[in-house]
């Protein structure tokens, strides 16, 4: 094994890693494409209402929109802090 083989193997590995990362980014973008434009604003407004009663971080809120035929279901998951 020469020193050149060592560098060639890294390039193949880094190319494979870059390809995998790109596939993840494309999959994420595709999943975001089907969401309505108003969801981020709605999520922010819901978070503001909830914060009136309990302190919740932005990363503790998950909003998901599911399509079931003619029906759309908005699912809101909030991780609330434990009672003191």
PDB file of N, CA and C in Angstrom:
ATOM      1  N   UNK A   1       0.850  -1.176   0.000  1.00  0.00           N
ATOM      2  CA  UNK A   1       0.000   0.000   0.000  1.00  0.00           C
ATOM      3  C   UNK A   1       0.890   1.231   0.000  1.00  0.00           C
ATOM      4  N   UNK A   2       0.694   2.060  -0.965  1.00  0.00           N
ATOM      5  CA  UNK A   2       1.498   3.274  -1.043  1.00  0.00           C
ATOM      6  C   UNK A   2       0.748   4.430  -0.389  1.00  0.00           C
ATOM      7  N   UNK A   3       1.425   5.508  -0.253  1.00  0.00           N
ATOM      8  CA  UNK A   3       0.827   6.699   0.354  1.00  0.00           C
ATOM      9  C   UNK A   3      -0.288   7.270  -0.524  1.00  0.00           C
ATOM     10  N   UNK A   4      -0.193   7.057  -1.839  1.00  0.00           N
ATOM     11  CA  UNK A   4      -1.236   7.551  -2.752  1.00  0.00           C
ATOM     12  C   UNK A   4      -2.543   6.786  -2.576  1.00  0.00           C
ATOM     13  N   UNK A   5      -2.456   5.505  -2.275  1.00  0.00           N
ATOM     14  CA  UNK A   5      -3.665   4.713  -2.031  1.00  0.00           C
ATOM     15  C   UNK A   5      -4.414   5.239  -0.806  1.00  0.00           C
ATOM     16  N   UNK A   6      -3.672   5.666   0.170  1.00  0.00           N
ATOM     17  CA  UNK A   6      -4.285   6.211   1.384  1.00  0.00           C
ATOM     18  C   UNK A   6      -5.141   7.436   1.051  1.00  0.00           C
ATOM     19  N   UNK A   7      -4.639   8.334   0.225  1.00  0.00           N
ATOM     20  CA  UNK A   7      -5.389   9.536  -0.136  1.00  0.00           C
ATOM     21  C   UNK A   7      -6.563   9.217  -1.067  1.00  0.00           C
ATOM     22  N   UNK A   8      -6.433   8.272  -1.939  1.00  0.00           N
ATOM     23  CA  UNK A   8      -7.521   7.892  -2.840  1.00  0.00           C
ATOM     24  C   UNK A   8      -8.695   7.310  -2.063  1.00  0.00           C
ATOM     25  N   UNK A   9      -8.409   6.494  -1.072  1.00  0.00           N
ATOM     26  CA  UNK A   9      -9.475   5.899  -0.269  1.00  0.00           C
ATOM     27  C   UNK A   9     -10.265   6.970   0.485  1.00  0.00           C
ATOM     28  N   UNK A  10      -9.595   7.992   0.965  1.00  0.00           N
ATOM     29  CA  UNK A  10     -10.291   9.064   1.672  1.00  0.00           C
ATOM     30  C   UNK A  10     -11.227   9.824   0.748  1.00  0.00           C
ATOM     31  N   UNK A  11     -10.800  10.016  -0.493  1.00  0.00           N
ATOM     32  CA  UNK A  11     -11.656  10.742  -1.426  1.00  0.00           C
ATOM     33  C   UNK A  11     -12.920   9.952  -1.714  1.00  0.00           C
ATOM     34  N   UNK A  12     -12.807   8.644  -1.857  1.00  0.00           N
ATOM     35  CA  UNK A  12     -13.989   7.821  -2.075  1.00  0.00           C
ATOM     36  C   UNK A  12     -14.895   7.864  -0.858  1.00  0.00           C
ATOM     37  N   UNK A  13     -14.308   7.792   0.327  1.00  0.00           N
ATOM     38  CA  UNK A  13     -15.108   7.848   1.546  1.00  0.00           C
ATOM     39  C   UNK A  13     -15.772   9.202   1.711  1.00  0.00           C
ATOM     40  N   UNK A  14     -15.047  10.272   1.423  1.00  0.00           N
ATOM     41  CA  UNK A  14     -15.648  11.598   1.571  1.00  0.00           C
ATOM     42  C   UNK A  14     -16.725  11.814   0.511  1.00  0.00           C
ATOM     43  N   UNK A  15     -16.563  11.237  -0.667  1.00  0.00           N
ATOM     44  CA  UNK A  15     -17.597  11.339  -1.704  1.00  0.00           C
ATOM     45  C   UNK A  15     -18.849  10.590  -1.264  1.00  0.00           C
ATOM     46  N   UNK A  16     -18.669   9.438  -0.671  1.00  0.00           N
ATOM     47  CA  UNK A  16     -19.812   8.665  -0.189  1.00  0.00           C
ATOM     48  C   UNK A  16     -20.524   9.409   0.938  1.00  0.00           C
ATOM     49  N   UNK A  17     -19.753  10.024   1.806  1.00  0.00           N
ATOM     50  CA  UNK A  17     -20.337  10.802   2.900  1.00  0.00           C
ATOM     51  C   UNK A  17     -21.085  12.005   2.351  1.00  0.00           C
ATOM     52  N   UNK A  18     -20.506  12.698   1.395  1.00  0.00           N
ATOM     53  CA  UNK A  18     -21.164  13.855   0.790  1.00  0.00           C
ATOM     54  C   UNK A  18     -22.457  13.435   0.091  1.00  0.00           C
ATOM     55  N   UNK A  19     -22.430  12.300  -0.582  1.00  0.00           N
ATOM     56  CA  UNK A  19     -23.635  11.801  -1.254  1.00  0.00           C
ATOM     57  C   UNK A  19     -24.727  11.494  -0.236  1.00  0.00           C
ATOM     58  N   UNK A  20     -24.356  10.868   0.859  1.00  0.00           N
ATOM     59  CA  UNK A  20     -25.322  10.541   1.906  1.00  0.00           C
ATOM     60  C   UNK A  20     -25.920  11.807   2.516  1.00  0.00           C
ATOM     61  N   UNK A  21     -25.091  12.792   2.778  1.00  0.00           N
ATOM     62  CA  UNK A  21     -25.585  14.061   3.327  1.00  0.00           C
ATOM     63  C   UNK A  21     -26.527  14.753   2.354  1.00  0.00           C
ATOM     64  N   UNK A  22     -26.186  14.729   1.081  1.00  0.00           N
ATOM     65  CA  UNK A  22     -27.044  15.339   0.071  1.00  0.00           C
ATOM     66  C   UNK A  22     -28.389  14.630  -0.001  1.00  0.00           C
ATOM     67  N   UNK A  23     -28.392  13.313   0.106  1.00  0.00           N
ATOM     68  CA  UNK A  23     -29.649  12.574   0.097  1.00  0.00           C
ATOM     69  C   UNK A  23     -30.518  12.947   1.287  1.00  0.00           C
ATOM     70  N   UNK A  24     -29.918  13.158   2.441  1.00  0.00           N
ATOM     71  CA  UNK A  24     -30.668  13.571   3.629  1.00  0.00           C
ATOM     72  C   UNK A  24     -31.266  14.953   3.419  1.00  0.00           C
ATOM     73  N   UNK A  25     -30.486  15.866   2.864  1.00  0.00           N
ATOM     74  CA  UNK A  25     -30.977  17.228   2.619  1.00  0.00           C
ATOM     75  C   UNK A  25     -32.120  17.214   1.614  1.00  0.00           C
ATOM     76  N   UNK A  26     -31.983  16.443   0.552  1.00  0.00           N
ATOM     77  CA  UNK A  26     -33.039  16.367  -0.467  1.00  0.00           C
ATOM     78  C   UNK A  26     -34.305  15.769   0.132  1.00  0.00           C
ATOM     79  N   UNK A  27     -34.182  14.726   0.934  1.00  0.00           N
ATOM     80  CA  UNK A  27     -35.353  14.118   1.569  1.00  0.00           C
ATOM     81  C   UNK A  27     -36.041  15.117   2.499  1.00  0.00           C
ATOM     82  N   UNK A  28     -35.246  15.893   3.224  1.00  0.00           N
ATOM     83  CA  UNK A  28     -35.824  16.899   4.123  1.00  0.00           C
ATOM     84  C   UNK A  28     -36.559  17.978   3.332  1.00  0.00           C
ATOM     85  N   UNK A  29     -35.964  18.442   2.265  1.00  0.00           N
ATOM     86  CA  UNK A  29     -36.592  19.463   1.426  1.00  0.00           C
ATOM     87  C   UNK A  29     -37.887  18.951   0.803  1.00  0.00           C
ATOM     88  N   UNK A  30     -37.897  17.706   0.375  1.00  0.00           N
ATOM     89  CA  UNK A  30     -39.111  17.125  -0.205  1.00  0.00           C
ATOM     90  C   UNK A  30     -40.220  17.037   0.831  1.00  0.00           C
ATOM     91  N   UNK A  31     -39.869  16.698   2.061  1.00  0.00           N
ATOM     92  CA  UNK A  31     -40.895  16.606   3.104  1.00  0.00           C
ATOM     93  C   UNK A  31     -41.464  17.977   3.445  1.00  0.00           C
ATOM     94  N   UNK A  32     -40.646  19.026   3.326  1.00  0.00           N
ATOM     95  CA  UNK A  32     -41.108  20.385   3.614  1.00  0.00           C
ATOM     96  C   UNK A  32     -41.953  20.955   2.482  1.00  0.00           C
ATOM     97  N   UNK A  33     -41.793  20.441   1.287  1.00  0.00           N
ATOM     98  CA  UNK A  33     -42.471  20.977   0.114  1.00  0.00           C
ATOM     99  C   UNK A  33     -43.989  20.807   0.204  1.00  0.00           C
ATOM    100  N   UNK A  34     -44.468  19.744   0.832  1.00  0.00           N
ATOM    101  CA  UNK A  34     -45.893  19.459   0.891  1.00  0.00           C
ATOM    102  C   UNK A  34     -46.605  20.223   1.995  1.00  0.00           C
ATOM    103  N   UNK A  35     -45.889  20.926   2.832  1.00  0.00           N
ATOM    104  CA  UNK A  35     -46.506  21.655   3.936  1.00  0.00           C
ATOM    105  C   UNK A  35     -47.027  23.002   3.452  1.00  0.00           C
ATOM    106  N   UNK A  36     -48.162  23.422   3.985  1.00  0.00           N
ATOM    107  CA  UNK A  36     -48.678  24.743   3.638  1.00  0.00           C
ATOM    108  C   UNK A  36     -47.768  25.854   4.165  1.00  0.00           C
ATOM    109  N   UNK A  37     -47.861  27.020   3.554  1.00  0.00           N
ATOM    110  CA  UNK A  37     -47.004  28.143   3.934  1.00  0.00           C
ATOM    111  C   UNK A  37     -47.329  28.702   5.317  1.00  0.00           C
ATOM    112  N   UNK A  38     -48.547  28.511   5.769  1.00  0.00           N
ATOM    113  CA  UNK A  38     -48.960  29.117   7.030  1.00  0.00           C
ATOM    114  C   UNK A  38     -48.512  28.341   8.270  1.00  0.00           C
ATOM    115  N   UNK A  39     -47.994  27.130   8.125  1.00  0.00           N
ATOM    116  CA  UNK A  39     -47.634  26.328   9.293  1.00  0.00           C
ATOM    117  C   UNK A  39     -46.567  26.958  10.192  1.00  0.00           C
ATOM    118  N   UNK A  40     -45.483  27.512   9.674  1.00  0.00           N
ATOM    119  CA  UNK A  40     -44.501  28.127  10.584  1.00  0.00           C
ATOM    120  C   UNK A  40     -45.095  29.278  11.408  1.00  0.00           C
ATOM    121  N   UNK A  41     -45.926  30.106  10.773  1.00  0.00           N
ATOM    122  CA  UNK A  41     -46.555  31.223  11.495  1.00  0.00           C
ATOM    123  C   UNK A  41     -47.533  30.686  12.536  1.00  0.00           C
ATOM    124  N   UNK A  42     -48.304  29.668  12.162  1.00  0.00           N
ATOM    125  CA  UNK A  42     -49.253  29.076  13.102  1.00  0.00           C
ATOM    126  C   UNK A  42     -48.519  28.472  14.292  1.00  0.00           C
ATOM    127  N   UNK A  43     -47.396  27.808  14.031  1.00  0.00           N
ATOM    128  CA  UNK A  43     -46.613  27.219  15.110  1.00  0.00           C
ATOM    129  C   UNK A  43     -46.125  28.311  16.062  1.00  0.00           C
ATOM    130  N   UNK A  44     -45.664  29.418  15.523  1.00  0.00           N
ATOM    131  CA  UNK A  44     -45.177  30.522  16.362  1.00  0.00           C
ATOM    132  C   UNK A  44     -46.305  31.112  17.202  1.00  0.00           C
ATOM    133  N   UNK A  45     -47.472  31.300  16.600  1.00  0.00           N
ATOM    134  CA  UNK A  45     -48.608  31.863  17.331  1.00  0.00           C
ATOM    135  C   UNK A  45     -49.095  30.921  18.426  1.00  0.00           C
ATOM    136  N   UNK A  46     -49.138  29.625  18.135  1.00  0.00           N
ATOM    137  CA  UNK A  46     -49.529  28.664  19.157  1.00  0.00           C
ATOM    138  C   UNK A  46     -48.533  28.652  20.312  1.00  0.00           C
ATOM    139  N   UNK A  47     -47.275  28.754  19.991  1.00  0.00           N
ATOM    140  CA  UNK A  47     -46.242  28.794  21.021  1.00  0.00           C
ATOM    141  C   UNK A  47     -46.396  30.033  21.902  1.00  0.00           C
ATOM    142  N   UNK A  48     -46.739  31.178  21.304  1.00  0.00           N
ATOM    143  CA  UNK A  48     -46.948  32.400  22.075  1.00  0.00           C
ATOM    144  C   UNK A  48     -48.123  32.252  23.038  1.00  0.00           C
ATOM    145  N   UNK A  49     -49.193  31.612  22.603  1.00  0.00           N
ATOM    146  CA  UNK A  49     -50.356  31.394  23.468  1.00  0.00           C
ATOM    147  C   UNK A  49     -49.998  30.466  24.612  1.00  0.00           C
ATOM    148  N   UNK A  50     -49.280  29.387  24.325  1.00  0.00           N
ATOM    149  CA  UNK A  50     -48.901  28.429  25.361  1.00  0.00           C
ATOM    150  C   UNK A  50     -47.964  29.078  26.368  1.00  0.00           C
ATOM    151  N   UNK A  51     -47.087  29.960  25.893  1.00  0.00           N
ATOM    152  CA  UNK A  51     -46.136  30.625  26.806  1.00  0.00           C
ATOM    153  C   UNK A  51     -46.819  31.564  27.785  1.00  0.00           C
ATOM    154  N   UNK A  52     -48.051  31.925  27.533  1.00  0.00           N
ATOM    155  CA  UNK A  52     -48.795  32.737  28.516  1.00  0.00           C
ATOM    156  C   UNK A  52     -49.011  31.959  29.810  1.00  0.00           C
ATOM    157  N   UNK A  53     -49.043  30.637  29.695  1.00  0.00           N
ATOM    158  CA  UNK A  53     -49.357  29.800  30.841  1.00  0.00           C
ATOM    159  C   UNK A  53     -48.173  29.000  31.363  1.00  0.00           C
ATOM    160  N   UNK A  54     -47.253  28.617  30.470  1.00  0.00           N
ATOM    161  CA  UNK A  54     -46.106  27.816  30.883  1.00  0.00           C
ATOM    162  C   UNK A  54     -44.939  28.130  29.952  1.00  0.00           C
ATOM    163  N   UNK A  55     -43.716  28.135  30.488  1.00  0.00           N
ATOM    164  CA  UNK A  55     -42.523  28.427  29.685  1.00  0.00           C
ATOM    165  C   UNK A  55     -42.117  27.185  28.887  1.00  0.00           C
ATOM    166  N   UNK A  56     -42.127  27.321  27.568  1.00  0.00           N
ATOM    167  CA  UNK A  56     -41.796  26.217  26.667  1.00  0.00           C
ATOM    168  C   UNK A  56     -40.804  26.737  25.635  1.00  0.00           C
ATOM    169  N   UNK A  57     -39.782  25.935  25.334  1.00  0.00           N
ATOM    170  CA  UNK A  57     -38.804  26.286  24.312  1.00  0.00           C
ATOM    171  C   UNK A  57     -39.350  25.962  22.929  1.00  0.00           C
ATOM    172  N   UNK A  58     -38.840  26.676  21.920  1.00  0.00           N
ATOM    173  CA  UNK A  58     -39.250  26.459  20.533  1.00  0.00           C
ATOM    174  C   UNK A  58     -38.974  25.031  20.086  1.00  0.00           C
ATOM    175  N   UNK A  59     -37.861  24.454  20.536  1.00  0.00           N
ATOM    176  CA  UNK A  59     -37.513  23.091  20.106  1.00  0.00           C
ATOM    177  C   UNK A  59     -38.356  22.017  20.789  1.00  0.00           C
ATOM    178  N   UNK A  60     -39.212  22.414  21.730  1.00  0.00           N
ATOM    179  CA  UNK A  60     -40.091  21.468  22.406  1.00  0.00           C
ATOM    180  C   UNK A  60     -41.451  21.344  21.724  1.00  0.00           C
ATOM    181  N   UNK A  61     -41.629  22.053  20.608  1.00  0.00           N
ATOM    182  CA  UNK A  61     -42.895  22.053  19.886  1.00  0.00           C
ATOM    183  C   UNK A  61     -42.690  21.406  18.519  1.00  0.00           C
ATOM    184  N   UNK A  62     -43.561  20.464  18.190  1.00  0.00           N
ATOM    185  CA  UNK A  62     -43.503  19.797  16.894  1.00  0.00           C
ATOM    186  C   UNK A  62     -44.886  19.868  16.257  1.00  0.00           C
ATOM    187  N   UNK A  63     -44.944  20.388  15.049  1.00  0.00           N
ATOM    188  CA  UNK A  63     -46.195  20.499  14.311  1.00  0.00           C
ATOM    189  C   UNK A  63     -46.103  19.610  13.082  1.00  0.00           C
ATOM    190  N   UNK A  64     -47.153  18.823  12.861  1.00  0.00           N
ATOM    191  CA  UNK A  64     -47.163  17.905  11.722  1.00  0.00           C
ATOM    192  C   UNK A  64     -48.539  17.956  11.076  1.00  0.00           C
ATOM    193  N   UNK A  65     -48.561  17.978   9.755  1.00  0.00           N
ATOM    194  CA  UNK A  65     -49.802  17.983   8.999  1.00  0.00           C
ATOM    195  C   UNK A  65     -49.894  16.688   8.216  1.00  0.00           C
ATOM    196  N   UNK A  66     -50.955  15.917   8.458  1.00  0.00           N
ATOM    197  CA  UNK A  66     -51.162  14.652   7.764  1.00  0.00           C
ATOM    198  C   UNK A  66     -52.377  14.779   6.858  1.00  0.00           C
ATOM    199  N   UNK A  67     -52.289  14.184   5.676  1.00  0.00           N
ATOM    200  CA  UNK A  67     -53.389  14.173   4.708  1.00  0.00           C
ATOM    201  C   UNK A  67     -54.000  12.775   4.688  1.00  0.00           C
ATOM    202  N   UNK A  68     -55.293  12.699   4.932  1.00  0.00           N
ATOM    203  CA  UNK A  68     -56.034  11.439   4.859  1.00  0.00           C
ATOM    204  C   UNK A  68     -57.205  11.630   3.906  1.00  0.00           C
ATOM    205  N   UNK A  69     -56.949  11.421   2.631  1.00  0.00           N
ATOM    206  CA  UNK A  69     -58.011  11.615   1.640  1.00  0.00           C
ATOM    207  C   UNK A  69     -58.406  13.072   1.558  1.00  0.00           C
ATOM    208  N   UNK A  70     -59.663  13.365   1.869  1.00  0.00           N
ATOM    209  CA  UNK A  70     -60.174  14.743   1.843  1.00  0.00           C
ATOM    210  C   UNK A  70     -59.966  15.468   3.166  1.00  0.00           C
ATOM    211  N   UNK A  71     -59.417  14.782   4.145  1.00  0.00           N
ATOM    212  CA  UNK A  71     -59.280  15.341   5.489  1.00  0.00           C
ATOM    213  C   UNK A  71     -57.808  15.626   5.802  1.00  0.00           C
ATOM    214  N   UNK A  72     -57.544  16.801   6.361  1.00  0.00           N
ATOM    215  CA  UNK A  72     -56.201  17.155   6.822  1.00  0.00           C
ATOM    216  C   UNK A  72     -56.205  17.156   8.343  1.00  0.00           C
ATOM    217  N   UNK A  73     -55.192  16.568   8.938  1.00  0.00           N
ATOM    218  CA  UNK A  73     -55.094  16.493  10.393  1.00  0.00           C
ATOM    219  C   UNK A  73     -53.851  17.248  10.826  1.00  0.00           C
ATOM    220  N   UNK A  74     -54.032  18.237  11.679  1.00  0.00           N
ATOM    221  CA  UNK A  74     -52.925  19.007  12.244  1.00  0.00           C
ATOM    222  C   UNK A  74     -52.608  18.429  13.613  1.00  0.00           C
ATOM    223  N   UNK A  75     -51.394  17.933  13.759  1.00  0.00           N
ATOM    224  CA  UNK A  75     -50.967  17.326  15.018  1.00  0.00           C
ATOM    225  C   UNK A  75     -49.941  18.241  15.669  1.00  0.00           C
ATOM    226  N   UNK A  76     -50.167  18.558  16.935  1.00  0.00           N
ATOM    227  CA  UNK A  76     -49.287  19.442  17.687  1.00  0.00           C
ATOM    228  C   UNK A  76     -48.788  18.695  18.909  1.00  0.00           C
ATOM    229  N   UNK A  77     -47.488  18.490  18.994  1.00  0.00           N
ATOM    230  CA  UNK A  77     -46.873  17.815  20.140  1.00  0.00           C
ATOM    231  C   UNK A  77     -45.999  18.815  20.877  1.00  0.00           C
ATOM    232  N   UNK A  78     -46.280  18.988  22.163  1.00  0.00           N
ATOM    233  CA  UNK A  78     -45.530  19.925  22.995  1.00  0.00           C
ATOM    234  C   UNK A  78     -45.028  19.189  24.220  1.00  0.00           C
ATOM    235  N   UNK A  79     -43.732  19.283  24.454  1.00  0.00           N
ATOM    236  CA  UNK A  79     -43.166  18.699  25.654  1.00  0.00           C
ATOM    237  C   UNK A  79     -43.191  19.766  26.745  1.00  0.00           C
ATOM    238  N   UNK A  80     -44.055  19.546  27.726  1.00  0.00           N
ATOM    239  CA  UNK A  80     -44.204  20.512  28.804  1.00  0.00           C
ATOM    240  C   UNK A  80     -43.181  20.207  29.903  1.00  0.00           C
ATOM    241  N   UNK A  81     -42.723  21.245  30.592  1.00  0.00           N
ATOM    242  CA  UNK A  81     -41.793  21.002  31.703  1.00  0.00           C
ATOM    243  C   UNK A  81     -42.528  20.316  32.855  1.00  0.00           C
ATOM    244  N   UNK A  82     -41.783  19.582  33.649  1.00  0.00           N
ATOM    245  CA  UNK A  82     -42.385  18.872  34.783  1.00  0.00           C
ATOM    246  C   UNK A  82     -42.822  19.873  35.837  1.00  0.00           C
ATOM    247  N   UNK A  83     -43.910  19.554  36.528  1.00  0.00           N
ATOM    248  CA  UNK A  83     -44.421  20.410  37.608  1.00  0.00           C
ATOM    249  C   UNK A  83     -43.429  20.426  38.751  1.00  0.00           C
ATOM    250  N   UNK A  84     -43.290  21.578  39.346  1.00  0.00           N
ATOM    251  CA  UNK A  84     -42.335  21.715  40.470  1.00  0.00           C
ATOM    252  C   UNK A  84     -43.024  21.568  41.790  1.00  0.00           C
TER     253      UNK A  84
END
